[in-house]
Structures are given as structure tokens and as C-alpha cells.
Amino acid sequence: MPSDVWALAATAQLPEDQQTPQQRAAVALATQLADELIAADAAVIAVPLYNFGISQHVKTWIDLLIASPQLRPGGEGAPLAGRAISFVIARGGGYGPGTPREGWDHATPYLRRIFADVFQADVEIVECELTLADVNPAMAELRDTAAALRVQANERAAETGRALAQRVGVGAA
């Protein structure tokens, strides 16, 4: 995606005949991305925690969804209302309750805010912490905890996957 695509889509609030070709292309991309999500029975989106937030790629995708005519806040209807969207979030360190970096994960609250509150989707979160423990020597003492968290995350992912499949009528739970 071009780095300026969101700015072009966001500034294309003019009648189409007054938009530049680049703005029309950006709005077309935003519309396509929104149409894909709207057409899905459910969505599973993997998002790593990068520097306490989401990656620029995920942010640009979300910004384009917000800029699309179908999902623009304040627009008509809520095409994602009640839609099942599950986020699989991987965090290299520990950010959960009681950890020194509790509250430093700015990705998960942001994703909840946008998808649950703005788009009114039914959001589930599957998260795994300490994913760098096996490769970071400074985290060696956390490897057993990381392994236990990975097992819990895998169980939660399987549970969430079964629930999504049942919800959209695919296979048996």
C-alpha cells in the first residue's frame, strides 16, 4: 500500500468529479477493503504488538476502513454490527496484570475501541505473551511461564475457532 493512500482517501470528501485521480484510487481501495470485511462471515486478524502498539500496516488498513464510505463513522447503518471478529495478538514481552509493563499494550485497547465501539463488531481477543522468551537470553528465566502461556493461548485459539465455525455454520464444534 502506498504510504499516502490514507491521506488521499481521507481528503477525498469532495464530489467525485472534483477529486484527483489519486484520491479516486485511494477511495476505491478503501471501498474494496471495507467490502472484503463486510462480505466475510467472520474475520480472524493476527496482530503483533510492535513498540507498544500496532504496526503501520495494520494502522493504515484500519484508517482506510474508517475512510471508506461504507464504514465511515457517522455514516448510514453499521454493516459490521454483530460481525464476529477475532484478533490473535502476540506480544514478545509481558504486559498483563501485575507485570512491570502492565498498561503498555496500546494495541489491544485500540483494536477493541475501533472494532467493537466504532464498527460495533463482536470482538474476541486471543493473546499470547512472552513470545520472545525462547530467543531472548535476557528472558531465559521466563521460558517456563512462556510455555504455559503458549499452551493457554493455543487452547483459547482452538476454543475461539470452534465458536467461530459454529457461529458461521461451518462444520461441527
Protein backbone atom coordinates (compact mmCIF):
# COMPACT_ATOMS: atom_id res chain seq x y z
CA MET A 1 0.00 0.00 0.00
CA PRO A 2 1.36 3.43 -0.81
CA SER A 3 2.21 5.43 2.30
CA ASP A 4 -0.07 8.30 1.28
CA VAL A 5 -3.16 6.23 0.49
CA TRP A 6 -4.98 7.02 3.73
CA ALA A 7 -4.38 10.76 3.43
CA LEU A 8 -5.69 10.66 -0.13
CA ALA A 9 -8.80 8.69 0.88
CA ALA A 10 -9.44 10.90 3.90
CA THR A 11 -9.19 14.11 1.87
CA ALA A 12 -11.43 12.81 -0.92
CA GLN A 13 -14.62 14.11 0.70
CA LEU A 14 -15.34 16.20 -2.39
CA PRO A 15 -17.78 15.22 -5.13
CA GLU A 16 -16.10 12.59 -7.30
CA ASP A 17 -15.69 14.93 -10.27
CA GLN A 18 -13.60 17.26 -8.05
CA GLN A 19 -11.30 14.51 -6.76
CA THR A 20 -7.86 13.89 -8.18
CA PRO A 21 -7.22 10.53 -9.86
CA GLN A 22 -5.09 9.58 -6.84
CA GLN A 23 -7.94 10.40 -4.44
CA ARG A 24 -10.40 8.34 -6.52
CA ALA A 25 -7.95 5.42 -6.50
CA ALA A 26 -7.50 5.71 -2.72
CA VAL A 27 -11.26 5.76 -2.15
CA ALA A 28 -11.61 2.74 -4.46
CA LEU A 29 -9.01 0.86 -2.38
CA ALA A 30 -10.71 1.85 0.89
CA THR A 31 -14.04 0.70 -0.54
CA GLN A 32 -12.55 -2.61 -1.69
CA LEU A 33 -11.01 -3.31 1.73
CA ALA A 34 -14.26 -2.46 3.50
CA ASP A 35 -16.28 -4.59 1.06
CA GLU A 36 -13.99 -7.56 1.77
CA LEU A 37 -14.51 -7.26 5.51
CA ILE A 38 -18.25 -6.65 5.19
CA ALA A 39 -18.63 -9.70 2.93
CA ALA A 40 -16.84 -12.00 5.38
CA ASP A 41 -18.94 -14.16 7.69
CA ALA A 42 -16.23 -13.70 10.32
CA ALA A 43 -12.66 -12.44 10.44
CA VAL A 44 -9.54 -13.64 12.22
CA ILE A 45 -6.82 -10.99 12.26
CA ALA A 46 -3.29 -11.60 13.58
CA VAL A 47 -1.70 -8.52 15.10
CA PRO A 48 1.71 -8.45 16.79
CA LEU A 49 2.47 -5.81 19.38
CA TYR A 50 5.13 -3.55 17.83
CA ASN A 51 6.68 -0.94 20.11
CA PHE A 52 3.61 -0.97 22.38
CA GLY A 53 1.12 -0.51 19.50
CA ILE A 54 0.02 -1.90 16.16
CA SER A 55 2.17 -1.98 13.04
CA GLN A 56 1.90 0.78 10.45
CA HIS A 57 0.39 -1.75 8.03
CA VAL A 58 -2.49 -2.60 10.34
CA LYS A 59 -2.96 1.08 11.19
CA THR A 60 -3.16 2.04 7.50
CA TRP A 61 -5.67 -0.77 6.88
CA ILE A 62 -7.84 0.44 9.77
CA ASP A 63 -7.52 4.06 8.65
CA LEU A 64 -8.70 3.05 5.17
CA LEU A 65 -11.65 1.15 6.65
CA ILE A 66 -12.61 4.27 8.59
CA ALA A 67 -12.22 6.42 5.45
CA SER A 68 -14.37 4.09 3.34
CA PRO A 69 -17.88 5.30 2.52
CA GLN A 70 -19.39 2.08 3.93
CA LEU A 71 -17.72 2.19 7.36
CA ARG A 72 -17.13 5.91 7.88
CA PRO A 73 -18.19 6.85 11.44
CA GLY A 74 -21.49 8.68 11.40
CA GLY A 75 -22.47 7.04 8.14
CA GLU A 76 -25.64 5.13 7.45
CA GLY A 77 -26.09 1.85 9.28
CA ALA A 78 -23.44 -0.33 10.83
CA PRO A 79 -22.53 -3.06 8.33
CA LEU A 80 -20.19 -4.80 10.80
CA ALA A 81 -22.63 -4.72 13.73
CA GLY A 82 -22.56 -8.09 15.45
CA ARG A 83 -19.98 -9.50 13.00
CA ALA A 84 -17.53 -11.89 14.64
CA ILE A 85 -14.00 -10.52 14.54
CA SER A 86 -11.26 -12.30 16.44
CA PHE A 87 -7.84 -10.81 16.99
CA VAL A 88 -4.83 -13.02 17.65
CA ILE A 89 -2.32 -10.82 19.42
CA ALA A 90 1.30 -11.79 20.03
CA ARG A 91 3.41 -9.85 22.50
CA GLY A 92 7.11 -10.54 22.87
CA GLY A 93 7.20 -9.38 26.48
CA GLY A 94 4.84 -9.39 29.43
CA TYR A 95 2.14 -6.72 29.54
CA GLY A 96 -0.59 -8.41 31.58
CA PRO A 97 -1.86 -7.57 35.05
CA GLY A 98 0.90 -7.45 37.65
CA THR A 99 3.77 -7.17 35.16
CA PRO A 100 6.13 -4.20 35.17
CA ARG A 101 4.74 -3.14 31.78
CA GLU A 102 1.07 -3.54 32.62
CA GLY A 103 -0.82 -0.95 30.61
CA TRP A 104 1.90 -0.50 27.99
CA ASP A 105 -0.01 -2.55 25.39
CA HIS A 106 -1.73 0.19 23.41
CA ALA A 107 -2.71 -2.14 20.56
CA THR A 108 -5.38 -4.26 22.23
CA PRO A 109 -7.44 -1.38 23.69
CA TYR A 110 -7.21 0.46 20.35
CA LEU A 111 -8.42 -2.58 18.39
CA ARG A 112 -11.31 -3.05 20.82
CA ARG A 113 -12.24 0.63 20.58
CA ILE A 114 -12.26 0.70 16.78
CA PHE A 115 -13.84 -2.66 16.02
CA ALA A 116 -16.24 -3.04 18.97
CA ASP A 117 -17.19 0.59 19.63
CA VAL A 118 -16.84 2.28 16.24
CA PHE A 119 -17.74 -0.62 13.93
CA GLN A 120 -19.95 -2.42 16.51
CA ALA A 121 -18.43 -5.83 15.74
CA ASP A 122 -18.44 -8.71 18.21
CA VAL A 123 -14.75 -8.77 19.15
CA GLU A 124 -12.83 -11.66 20.68
CA ILE A 125 -9.19 -11.44 21.70
CA VAL A 126 -6.76 -14.36 21.76
CA GLU A 127 -3.45 -13.21 23.19
CA CYS A 128 -0.09 -14.72 23.93
CA GLU A 129 2.67 -13.02 25.88
CA LEU A 130 6.37 -13.66 26.34
CA THR A 131 6.72 -14.94 22.78
CA LEU A 132 10.37 -13.81 22.69
CA ALA A 133 11.39 -15.75 25.81
CA ASP A 134 12.79 -18.67 23.83
CA VAL A 135 15.05 -16.45 21.71
CA ASN A 136 15.99 -13.63 24.08
CA PRO A 137 18.68 -14.67 26.59
CA ALA A 138 17.58 -11.89 28.97
CA MET A 139 14.19 -13.63 29.23
CA ALA A 140 15.57 -17.14 29.90
CA GLU A 141 14.03 -17.31 33.38
CA LEU A 142 10.58 -16.71 31.82
CA ARG A 143 10.67 -19.68 29.45
CA ASP A 144 8.53 -21.97 31.61
CA THR A 145 5.96 -19.20 32.06
CA ALA A 146 6.07 -18.50 28.33
CA ALA A 147 5.45 -22.18 27.55
CA ALA A 148 2.43 -22.24 29.89
CA LEU A 149 1.06 -19.04 28.32
CA ARG A 150 1.53 -20.54 24.84
CA VAL A 151 -0.50 -23.61 25.86
CA GLN A 152 -3.25 -21.34 27.24
CA ALA A 153 -3.22 -19.23 24.06
CA ASN A 154 -3.44 -22.32 21.85
CA GLU A 155 -6.38 -23.62 23.88
CA ARG A 156 -8.10 -20.23 23.66
CA ALA A 157 -7.43 -20.08 19.91
CA ALA A 158 -8.93 -23.54 19.39
CA GLU A 159 -11.96 -22.62 21.51
CA THR A 160 -12.42 -19.36 19.61
CA GLY A 161 -12.01 -21.12 16.25
CA ARG A 162 -14.64 -23.72 17.15
CA ALA A 163 -17.03 -20.98 18.28
CA LEU A 164 -16.47 -19.01 15.05
CA ALA A 165 -17.03 -22.12 12.91
CA GLN A 166 -20.22 -22.93 14.78
CA ARG A 167 -21.40 -19.33 14.55
CA VAL A 168 -21.00 -19.18 10.77
CA GLY A 169 -22.26 -22.74 10.28
CA VAL A 170 -19.04 -24.38 9.18
CA GLY A 171 -18.56 -27.95 10.42
CA ALA A 172 -19.25 -29.30 13.87
CA ALA A 173 -17.87 -27.78 17.05
